Amino acid sequence: MLVAKENEIDVADTIYSYLADRFPAYAPFSADTELLESGAIDSLGFLELMVFIGEGFGIILNDEHFTPENLGTPADLIAFVRRERRR
């Protein structure tokens, strides 16, 4: 179980680090920062984020994944990645 906890921490750290590095004007991001609605990330940045999530975590993305429930905030992103990695 310790390994699972470490992996969960790694997911959060990786996502927050990416967001801060790629979008420094909006850093630090909180768990509930609205990524698109706040203007922190534009459509091109969103596509880059999806490529990062897919490649960085080995998740094959499809249209059904692109929902506000999965990708609206950093907390949503982290939960989404954790769910998809368990499959």
PDB file of N, CA and C in Angstrom:
ATOM      1  N   MET A   1       0.808  -1.194   0.000  1.00  0.00           N
ATOM      2  CA  MET A   1       0.000   0.000   0.000  1.00  0.00           C
ATOM      3  C   MET A   1       0.856   1.265   0.000  1.00  0.00           C
ATOM      4  N   LEU A   2       2.025   1.173   0.567  1.00  0.00           N
ATOM      5  CA  LEU A   2       2.921   2.321   0.591  1.00  0.00           C
ATOM      6  C   LEU A   2       3.287   2.753  -0.825  1.00  0.00           C
ATOM      7  N   VAL A   3       3.509   1.787  -1.713  1.00  0.00           N
ATOM      8  CA  VAL A   3       3.832   2.109  -3.101  1.00  0.00           C
ATOM      9  C   VAL A   3       2.681   2.863  -3.749  1.00  0.00           C
ATOM     10  N   ALA A   4       1.448   2.440  -3.489  1.00  0.00           N
ATOM     11  CA  ALA A   4       0.282   3.117  -4.064  1.00  0.00           C
ATOM     12  C   ALA A   4       0.234   4.563  -3.583  1.00  0.00           C
ATOM     13  N   LYS A   5       0.479   4.795  -2.308  1.00  0.00           N
ATOM     14  CA  LYS A   5       0.480   6.161  -1.782  1.00  0.00           C
ATOM     15  C   LYS A   5       1.562   6.998  -2.453  1.00  0.00           C
ATOM     16  N   GLU A   6       2.752   6.431  -2.627  1.00  0.00           N
ATOM     17  CA  GLU A   6       3.832   7.150  -3.285  1.00  0.00           C
ATOM     18  C   GLU A   6       3.444   7.495  -4.716  1.00  0.00           C
ATOM     19  N   ASN A   7       2.812   6.561  -5.426  1.00  0.00           N
ATOM     20  CA  ASN A   7       2.380   6.825  -6.798  1.00  0.00           C
ATOM     21  C   ASN A   7       1.345   7.940  -6.844  1.00  0.00           C
ATOM     22  N   GLU A   8       0.426   7.972  -5.864  1.00  0.00           N
ATOM     23  CA  GLU A   8      -0.581   9.021  -5.825  1.00  0.00           C
ATOM     24  C   GLU A   8       0.063  10.381  -5.596  1.00  0.00           C
ATOM     25  N   ILE A   9       1.042  10.427  -4.716  1.00  0.00           N
ATOM     26  CA  ILE A   9       1.767  11.678  -4.469  1.00  0.00           C
ATOM     27  C   ILE A   9       2.510  12.096  -5.725  1.00  0.00           C
ATOM     28  N   ASP A  10       3.135  11.137  -6.395  1.00  0.00           N
ATOM     29  CA  ASP A  10       3.861  11.438  -7.629  1.00  0.00           C
ATOM     30  C   ASP A  10       2.938  12.037  -8.683  1.00  0.00           C
ATOM     31  N   VAL A  11       1.731  11.524  -8.808  1.00  0.00           N
ATOM     32  CA  VAL A  11       0.776  12.055  -9.784  1.00  0.00           C
ATOM     33  C   VAL A  11       0.495  13.520  -9.476  1.00  0.00           C
ATOM     34  N   ALA A  12       0.171  13.816  -8.241  1.00  0.00           N
ATOM     35  CA  ALA A  12      -0.142  15.196  -7.862  1.00  0.00           C
ATOM     36  C   ALA A  12       1.064  16.098  -8.066  1.00  0.00           C
ATOM     37  N   ASP A  13       2.226  15.682  -7.597  1.00  0.00           N
ATOM     38  CA  ASP A  13       3.437  16.491  -7.754  1.00  0.00           C
ATOM     39  C   ASP A  13       3.750  16.746  -9.221  1.00  0.00           C
ATOM     40  N   THR A  14       3.621  15.717 -10.030  1.00  0.00           N
ATOM     41  CA  THR A  14       3.921  15.838 -11.458  1.00  0.00           C
ATOM     42  C   THR A  14       2.968  16.818 -12.134  1.00  0.00           C
ATOM     43  N   ILE A  15       1.692  16.717 -11.828  1.00  0.00           N
ATOM     44  CA  ILE A  15       0.712  17.606 -12.450  1.00  0.00           C
ATOM     45  C   ILE A  15       0.913  19.050 -11.989  1.00  0.00           C
ATOM     46  N   TYR A  16       1.095  19.259 -10.689  1.00  0.00           N
ATOM     47  CA  TYR A  16       1.313  20.621 -10.200  1.00  0.00           C
ATOM     48  C   TYR A  16       2.608  21.211 -10.754  1.00  0.00           C
ATOM     49  N   SER A  17       3.651  20.406 -10.858  1.00  0.00           N
ATOM     50  CA  SER A  17       4.923  20.890 -11.417  1.00  0.00           C
ATOM     51  C   SER A  17       4.755  21.288 -12.878  1.00  0.00           C
ATOM     52  N   TYR A  18       4.049  20.454 -13.644  1.00  0.00           N
ATOM     53  CA  TYR A  18       3.817  20.765 -15.049  1.00  0.00           C
ATOM     54  C   TYR A  18       3.053  22.084 -15.184  1.00  0.00           C
ATOM     55  N   LEU A  19       1.972  22.215 -14.426  1.00  0.00           N
ATOM     56  CA  LEU A  19       1.164  23.427 -14.519  1.00  0.00           C
ATOM     57  C   LEU A  19       1.972  24.675 -14.159  1.00  0.00           C
ATOM     58  N   ALA A  20       2.756  24.585 -13.097  1.00  0.00           N
ATOM     59  CA  ALA A  20       3.556  25.729 -12.667  1.00  0.00           C
ATOM     60  C   ALA A  20       4.634  26.079 -13.686  1.00  0.00           C
ATOM     61  N   ASP A  21       5.263  25.063 -14.277  1.00  0.00           N
ATOM     62  CA  ASP A  21       6.311  25.299 -15.275  1.00  0.00           C
ATOM     63  C   ASP A  21       5.742  25.835 -16.584  1.00  0.00           C
ATOM     64  N   ARG A  22       4.627  25.289 -17.000  1.00  0.00           N
ATOM     65  CA  ARG A  22       4.054  25.646 -18.303  1.00  0.00           C
ATOM     66  C   ARG A  22       3.237  26.930 -18.256  1.00  0.00           C
ATOM     67  N   PHE A  23       2.613  27.212 -17.105  1.00  0.00           N
ATOM     68  CA  PHE A  23       1.744  28.385 -16.962  1.00  0.00           C
ATOM     69  C   PHE A  23       2.142  29.169 -15.705  1.00  0.00           C
ATOM     70  N   PRO A  24       3.365  29.694 -15.682  1.00  0.00           N
ATOM     71  CA  PRO A  24       3.886  30.324 -14.458  1.00  0.00           C
ATOM     72  C   PRO A  24       3.120  31.572 -14.007  1.00  0.00           C
ATOM     73  N   ALA A  25       2.456  32.241 -14.903  1.00  0.00           N
ATOM     74  CA  ALA A  25       1.718  33.451 -14.521  1.00  0.00           C
ATOM     75  C   ALA A  25       0.579  33.135 -13.555  1.00  0.00           C
ATOM     76  N   TYR A  26       0.115  31.896 -13.544  1.00  0.00           N
ATOM     77  CA  TYR A  26      -1.001  31.502 -12.685  1.00  0.00           C
ATOM     78  C   TYR A  26      -0.559  30.646 -11.501  1.00  0.00           C
ATOM     79  N   ALA A  27       0.736  30.409 -11.385  1.00  0.00           N
ATOM     80  CA  ALA A  27       1.256  29.601 -10.288  1.00  0.00           C
ATOM     81  C   ALA A  27       1.301  30.436  -9.019  1.00  0.00           C
ATOM     82  N   PRO A  28       1.152  29.848  -7.862  1.00  0.00           N
ATOM     83  CA  PRO A  28       0.881  28.427  -7.653  1.00  0.00           C
ATOM     84  C   PRO A  28      -0.602  28.121  -7.882  1.00  0.00           C
ATOM     85  N   PHE A  29      -0.862  26.963  -8.420  1.00  0.00           N
ATOM     86  CA  PHE A  29      -2.227  26.512  -8.665  1.00  0.00           C
ATOM     87  C   PHE A  29      -2.763  25.870  -7.394  1.00  0.00           C
ATOM     88  N   SER A  30      -4.023  26.133  -7.097  1.00  0.00           N
ATOM     89  CA  SER A  30      -4.665  25.427  -5.993  1.00  0.00           C
ATOM     90  C   SER A  30      -5.459  24.263  -6.574  1.00  0.00           C
ATOM     91  N   ALA A  31      -5.912  23.392  -5.724  1.00  0.00           N
ATOM     92  CA  ALA A  31      -6.652  22.207  -6.179  1.00  0.00           C
ATOM     93  C   ALA A  31      -7.908  22.581  -6.945  1.00  0.00           C
ATOM     94  N   ASP A  32      -8.515  23.721  -6.609  1.00  0.00           N
ATOM     95  CA  ASP A  32      -9.779  24.096  -7.240  1.00  0.00           C
ATOM     96  C   ASP A  32      -9.670  25.234  -8.257  1.00  0.00           C
ATOM     97  N   THR A  33      -8.462  25.533  -8.720  1.00  0.00           N
ATOM     98  CA  THR A  33      -8.288  26.536  -9.778  1.00  0.00           C
ATOM     99  C   THR A  33      -8.977  26.053 -11.049  1.00  0.00           C
ATOM    100  N   GLU A  34      -9.904  26.827 -11.544  1.00  0.00           N
ATOM    101  CA  GLU A  34     -10.572  26.486 -12.808  1.00  0.00           C
ATOM    102  C   GLU A  34      -9.581  26.745 -13.942  1.00  0.00           C
ATOM    103  N   LEU A  35      -9.170  25.701 -14.604  1.00  0.00           N
ATOM    104  CA  LEU A  35      -8.096  25.826 -15.588  1.00  0.00           C
ATOM    105  C   LEU A  35      -8.544  26.557 -16.847  1.00  0.00           C
ATOM    106  N   LEU A  36      -9.655  26.173 -17.423  1.00  0.00           N
ATOM    107  CA  LEU A  36     -10.125  26.824 -18.646  1.00  0.00           C
ATOM    108  C   LEU A  36     -10.985  28.046 -18.348  1.00  0.00           C
ATOM    109  N   GLU A  37     -11.921  27.908 -17.434  1.00  0.00           N
ATOM    110  CA  GLU A  37     -12.861  28.994 -17.154  1.00  0.00           C
ATOM    111  C   GLU A  37     -12.170  30.239 -16.602  1.00  0.00           C
ATOM    112  N   SER A  38     -11.069  30.055 -15.878  1.00  0.00           N
ATOM    113  CA  SER A  38     -10.353  31.204 -15.316  1.00  0.00           C
ATOM    114  C   SER A  38      -9.435  31.866 -16.330  1.00  0.00           C
ATOM    115  N   GLY A  39      -9.189  31.187 -17.436  1.00  0.00           N
ATOM    116  CA  GLY A  39      -8.272  31.701 -18.439  1.00  0.00           C
ATOM    117  C   GLY A  39      -6.829  31.329 -18.163  1.00  0.00           C
ATOM    118  N   ALA A  40      -6.592  30.504 -17.141  1.00  0.00           N
ATOM    119  CA  ALA A  40      -5.231  30.072 -16.826  1.00  0.00           C
ATOM    120  C   ALA A  40      -4.635  29.296 -17.999  1.00  0.00           C
ATOM    121  N   ILE A  41      -5.485  28.527 -18.669  1.00  0.00           N
ATOM    122  CA  ILE A  41      -5.042  27.732 -19.812  1.00  0.00           C
ATOM    123  C   ILE A  41      -5.965  28.030 -20.982  1.00  0.00           C
ATOM    124  N   ASP A  42      -5.372  28.347 -22.134  1.00  0.00           N
ATOM    125  CA  ASP A  42      -6.177  28.556 -23.333  1.00  0.00           C
ATOM    126  C   ASP A  42      -6.317  27.226 -24.069  1.00  0.00           C
ATOM    127  N   SER A  43      -6.963  27.240 -25.219  1.00  0.00           N
ATOM    128  CA  SER A  43      -7.233  25.987 -25.932  1.00  0.00           C
ATOM    129  C   SER A  43      -5.952  25.281 -26.363  1.00  0.00           C
ATOM    130  N   LEU A  44      -4.945  26.022 -26.788  1.00  0.00           N
ATOM    131  CA  LEU A  44      -3.675  25.397 -27.159  1.00  0.00           C
ATOM    132  C   LEU A  44      -2.996  24.803 -25.928  1.00  0.00           C
ATOM    133  N   GLY A  45      -3.006  25.534 -24.833  1.00  0.00           N
ATOM    134  CA  GLY A  45      -2.440  25.018 -23.587  1.00  0.00           C
ATOM    135  C   GLY A  45      -3.161  23.788 -23.112  1.00  0.00           C
ATOM    136  N   PHE A  46      -4.469  23.741 -23.316  1.00  0.00           N
ATOM    137  CA  PHE A  46      -5.259  22.574 -22.943  1.00  0.00           C
ATOM    138  C   PHE A  46      -4.841  21.356 -23.759  1.00  0.00           C
ATOM    139  N   LEU A  47      -4.647  21.556 -25.059  1.00  0.00           N
ATOM    140  CA  LEU A  47      -4.193  20.439 -25.902  1.00  0.00           C
ATOM    141  C   LEU A  47      -2.809  19.952 -25.470  1.00  0.00           C
ATOM    142  N   GLU A  48      -1.922  20.885 -25.142  1.00  0.00           N
ATOM    143  CA  GLU A  48      -0.596  20.504 -24.654  1.00  0.00           C
ATOM    144  C   GLU A  48      -0.696  19.739 -23.339  1.00  0.00           C
ATOM    145  N   LEU A  49      -1.605  20.166 -22.472  1.00  0.00           N
ATOM    146  CA  LEU A  49      -1.823  19.468 -21.208  1.00  0.00           C
ATOM    147  C   LEU A  49      -2.304  18.048 -21.455  1.00  0.00           C
ATOM    148  N   MET A  50      -3.190  17.866 -22.404  1.00  0.00           N
ATOM    149  CA  MET A  50      -3.700  16.524 -22.710  1.00  0.00           C
ATOM    150  C   MET A  50      -2.600  15.623 -23.271  1.00  0.00           C
ATOM    151  N   VAL A  51      -1.745  16.187 -24.110  1.00  0.00           N
ATOM    152  CA  VAL A  51      -0.605  15.409 -24.622  1.00  0.00           C
ATOM    153  C   VAL A  51       0.294  15.005 -23.458  1.00  0.00           C
ATOM    154  N   PHE A  52       0.553  15.939 -22.561  1.00  0.00           N
ATOM    155  CA  PHE A  52       1.370  15.648 -21.389  1.00  0.00           C
ATOM    156  C   PHE A  52       0.747  14.533 -20.541  1.00  0.00           C
ATOM    157  N   ILE A  53      -0.553  14.626 -20.284  1.00  0.00           N
ATOM    158  CA  ILE A  53      -1.242  13.606 -19.477  1.00  0.00           C
ATOM    159  C   ILE A  53      -1.161  12.247 -20.173  1.00  0.00           C
ATOM    160  N   GLY A  54      -1.426  12.230 -21.469  1.00  0.00           N
ATOM    161  CA  GLY A  54      -1.383  10.975 -22.211  1.00  0.00           C
ATOM    162  C   GLY A  54      -0.002  10.347 -22.233  1.00  0.00           C
ATOM    163  N   GLU A  55       0.976  11.132 -22.599  1.00  0.00           N
ATOM    164  CA  GLU A  55       2.337  10.603 -22.704  1.00  0.00           C
ATOM    165  C   GLU A  55       2.986  10.390 -21.337  1.00  0.00           C
ATOM    166  N   GLY A  56       2.788  11.327 -20.435  1.00  0.00           N
ATOM    167  CA  GLY A  56       3.446  11.260 -19.133  1.00  0.00           C
ATOM    168  C   GLY A  56       2.934  10.155 -18.241  1.00  0.00           C
ATOM    169  N   PHE A  57       1.648   9.805 -18.402  1.00  0.00           N
ATOM    170  CA  PHE A  57       1.063   8.784 -17.542  1.00  0.00           C
ATOM    171  C   PHE A  57       0.604   7.554 -18.302  1.00  0.00           C
ATOM    172  N   GLY A  58       0.866   7.514 -19.607  1.00  0.00           N
ATOM    173  CA  GLY A  58       0.518   6.338 -20.397  1.00  0.00           C
ATOM    174  C   GLY A  58      -0.976   6.114 -20.527  1.00  0.00           C
ATOM    175  N   ILE A  59      -1.721   7.194 -20.617  1.00  0.00           N
ATOM    176  CA  ILE A  59      -3.180   7.100 -20.726  1.00  0.00           C
ATOM    177  C   ILE A  59      -3.579   7.359 -22.172  1.00  0.00           C
ATOM    178  N   ILE A  60      -4.347   6.449 -22.728  1.00  0.00           N
ATOM    179  CA  ILE A  60      -4.868   6.640 -24.078  1.00  0.00           C
ATOM    180  C   ILE A  60      -6.161   7.431 -23.946  1.00  0.00           C
ATOM    181  N   LEU A  61      -6.141   8.641 -24.445  1.00  0.00           N
ATOM    182  CA  LEU A  61      -7.289   9.535 -24.306  1.00  0.00           C
ATOM    183  C   LEU A  61      -8.236   9.405 -25.488  1.00  0.00           C
ATOM    184  N   ASN A  62      -9.525   9.530 -25.191  1.00  0.00           N
ATOM    185  CA  ASN A  62     -10.523   9.593 -26.251  1.00  0.00           C
ATOM    186  C   ASN A  62     -11.525  10.690 -25.905  1.00  0.00           C
ATOM    187  N   ASP A  63     -12.465  10.935 -26.782  1.00  0.00           N
ATOM    188  CA  ASP A  63     -13.389  12.060 -26.621  1.00  0.00           C
ATOM    189  C   ASP A  63     -14.148  12.042 -25.297  1.00  0.00           C
ATOM    190  N   GLU A  64     -14.480  10.869 -24.798  1.00  0.00           N
ATOM    191  CA  GLU A  64     -15.261  10.798 -23.557  1.00  0.00           C
ATOM    192  C   GLU A  64     -14.490  11.292 -22.336  1.00  0.00           C
ATOM    193  N   HIS A  65     -13.171  11.366 -22.431  1.00  0.00           N
ATOM    194  CA  HIS A  65     -12.354  11.851 -21.323  1.00  0.00           C
ATOM    195  C   HIS A  65     -12.382  13.376 -21.198  1.00  0.00           C
ATOM    196  N   PHE A  66     -12.715  14.069 -22.259  1.00  0.00           N
ATOM    197  CA  PHE A  66     -12.635  15.525 -22.299  1.00  0.00           C
ATOM    198  C   PHE A  66     -13.883  16.165 -21.699  1.00  0.00           C
ATOM    199  N   THR A  67     -14.021  16.046 -20.385  1.00  0.00           N
ATOM    200  CA  THR A  67     -15.158  16.622 -19.681  1.00  0.00           C
ATOM    201  C   THR A  67     -14.656  17.513 -18.550  1.00  0.00           C
ATOM    202  N   PRO A  68     -15.457  18.492 -18.149  1.00  0.00           N
ATOM    203  CA  PRO A  68     -15.059  19.337 -17.008  1.00  0.00           C
ATOM    204  C   PRO A  68     -14.862  18.527 -15.723  1.00  0.00           C
ATOM    205  N   GLU A  69     -15.614  17.447 -15.583  1.00  0.00           N
ATOM    206  CA  GLU A  69     -15.470  16.604 -14.392  1.00  0.00           C
ATOM    207  C   GLU A  69     -14.099  15.957 -14.323  1.00  0.00           C
ATOM    208  N   ASN A  70     -13.501  15.683 -15.457  1.00  0.00           N
ATOM    209  CA  ASN A  70     -12.165  15.073 -15.505  1.00  0.00           C
ATOM    210  C   ASN A  70     -11.046  16.101 -15.538  1.00  0.00           C
ATOM    211  N   LEU A  71     -11.296  17.242 -16.141  1.00  0.00           N
ATOM    212  CA  LEU A  71     -10.196  18.130 -16.489  1.00  0.00           C
ATOM    213  C   LEU A  71     -10.391  19.581 -16.072  1.00  0.00           C
ATOM    214  N   GLY A  72     -11.386  19.879 -15.273  1.00  0.00           N
ATOM    215  CA  GLY A  72     -11.695  21.257 -14.942  1.00  0.00           C
ATOM    216  C   GLY A  72     -10.711  21.942 -14.014  1.00  0.00           C
ATOM    217  N   THR A  73     -10.186  21.193 -13.050  1.00  0.00           N
ATOM    218  CA  THR A  73      -9.280  21.759 -12.050  1.00  0.00           C
ATOM    219  C   THR A  73      -8.095  20.812 -11.855  1.00  0.00           C
ATOM    220  N   PRO A  74      -7.036  21.257 -11.202  1.00  0.00           N
ATOM    221  CA  PRO A  74      -5.939  20.329 -10.903  1.00  0.00           C
ATOM    222  C   PRO A  74      -6.412  19.105 -10.112  1.00  0.00           C
ATOM    223  N   ALA A  75      -7.320  19.294  -9.163  1.00  0.00           N
ATOM    224  CA  ALA A  75      -7.844  18.154  -8.395  1.00  0.00           C
ATOM    225  C   ALA A  75      -8.571  17.170  -9.309  1.00  0.00           C
ATOM    226  N   ASP A  76      -9.329  17.691 -10.280  1.00  0.00           N
ATOM    227  CA  ASP A  76     -10.019  16.829 -11.244  1.00  0.00           C
ATOM    228  C   ASP A  76      -9.017  16.048 -12.084  1.00  0.00           C
ATOM    229  N   LEU A  77      -7.968  16.720 -12.536  1.00  0.00           N
ATOM    230  CA  LEU A  77      -6.927  16.071 -13.336  1.00  0.00           C
ATOM    231  C   LEU A  77      -6.261  14.938 -12.556  1.00  0.00           C
ATOM    232  N   ILE A  78      -5.916  15.212 -11.311  1.00  0.00           N
ATOM    233  CA  ILE A  78      -5.247  14.217 -10.477  1.00  0.00           C
ATOM    234  C   ILE A  78      -6.149  13.004 -10.272  1.00  0.00           C
ATOM    235  N   ALA A  79      -7.408  13.245  -9.952  1.00  0.00           N
ATOM    236  CA  ALA A  79      -8.351  12.140  -9.758  1.00  0.00           C
ATOM    237  C   ALA A  79      -8.529  11.351 -11.045  1.00  0.00           C
ATOM    238  N   PHE A  80      -8.616  12.039 -12.168  1.00  0.00           N
ATOM    239  CA  PHE A  80      -8.757  11.380 -13.466  1.00  0.00           C
ATOM    240  C   PHE A  80      -7.559  10.475 -13.754  1.00  0.00           C
ATOM    241  N   VAL A  81      -6.358  10.991 -13.579  1.00  0.00           N
ATOM    242  CA  VAL A  81      -5.150  10.196 -13.849  1.00  0.00           C
ATOM    243  C   VAL A  81      -5.108   8.981 -12.932  1.00  0.00           C
ATOM    244  N   ARG A  82      -5.405   9.160 -11.676  1.00  0.00           N
ATOM    245  CA  ARG A  82      -5.389   8.037 -10.727  1.00  0.00           C
ATOM    246  C   ARG A  82      -6.402   6.965 -11.122  1.00  0.00           C
ATOM    247  N   ARG A  83      -7.606   7.386 -11.528  1.00  0.00           N
ATOM    248  CA  ARG A  83      -8.622   6.420 -11.965  1.00  0.00           C
ATOM    249  C   ARG A  83      -8.154   5.656 -13.189  1.00  0.00           C
ATOM    250  N   GLU A  84      -7.642   6.384 -14.172  1.00  0.00           N
ATOM    251  CA  GLU A  84      -7.241   5.749 -15.432  1.00  0.00           C
ATOM    252  C   GLU A  84      -6.037   4.829 -15.242  1.00  0.00           C
ATOM    253  N   ARG A  85      -5.157   5.148 -14.339  1.00  0.00           N
ATOM    254  CA  ARG A  85      -3.982   4.306 -14.111  1.00  0.00           C
ATOM    255  C   ARG A  85      -4.345   3.004 -13.407  1.00  0.00           C
ATOM    256  N   ARG A  86      -5.469   2.985 -12.714  1.00  0.00           N
ATOM    257  CA  ARG A  86      -5.916   1.764 -12.029  1.00  0.00           C
ATOM    258  C   ARG A  86      -6.537   0.772 -12.987  1.00  0.00           C
ATOM    259  N   ARG A  87      -6.933   1.216 -14.160  1.00  0.00           N
ATOM    260  CA  ARG A  87      -7.622   0.350 -15.133  1.00  0.00           C
ATOM    261  C   ARG A  87      -6.666  -0.581 -15.813  1.00  0.00           C
TER     262      ARG A  87
END
